Amino acid sequence: MQPSQIRRRDIVLQTLGLGTFSAMAGMPTVARVLASQVQQESLQITAQQVRDACWIATVQWTEDQCEEVAKALNRKLERLRSLRDEPPTEDVAMPLAFIPSFFIRSETQPREDRDPRTSPWQQGVELPTWTKMEDVLDWSIPKLALGLRRKLYSCEELTVFYFNRLKSSNERLNCVVRMNDRAIELSRLR
């Protein structure tokens, strides 16, 4: 198509097909009207709904263009529905990263005036006395980190303990997003 032959109708059709409603003036209106016309029970968007949305937004499209847009939107809806029907697998990333060392200040060079086994965050942490692993259940993350740093227990022992505790609460581990037997292997490396 020559630049002089490009019509507003073609640009609107392309942006609507790409899903970029907010890129042009008037397109948010088409999107809102179309969304209001599609009910929850409706399984697909019809060309008539697109035509009505265009009429309300004062955009003029042909029958073929309305059909094309309806088909494109129905394909997108079908893809979204199939994504929502499928439960997430174990290789899906967590929504938030858990970094237990967030409270440790990073330094480019170690200071010589302090013991390398202590950190400023440790000074306010009181480590209770304990005799068995069950005593760590009510400890905070800084207390657990201090116990690891002081070699009271290993990463593997702590991971196995919590893993067994989770399994005793719920055999299917419904409450855990990313915990499996491989976690114990990884804890040996730390």
Foldseek 3Di string as FASTA:
>chain_A
DDPVPDDPLVVCLVCLLVVNQVPDPLSVQLVVQLVVVADPVDLFRDLVSSCVSCVVSVHDDDSVSSRVSRVSVNVVVVVVVVVVVDDDDQPDDDPDDDDLCPVFDDDPDDDPPDDPLDGPVCVVDDADDDDDPVVCPPPDSVNVVNCCSVPVDALLVNLVVVVVVQCVVPVVSPVDRHDDPVVSVVSVVD
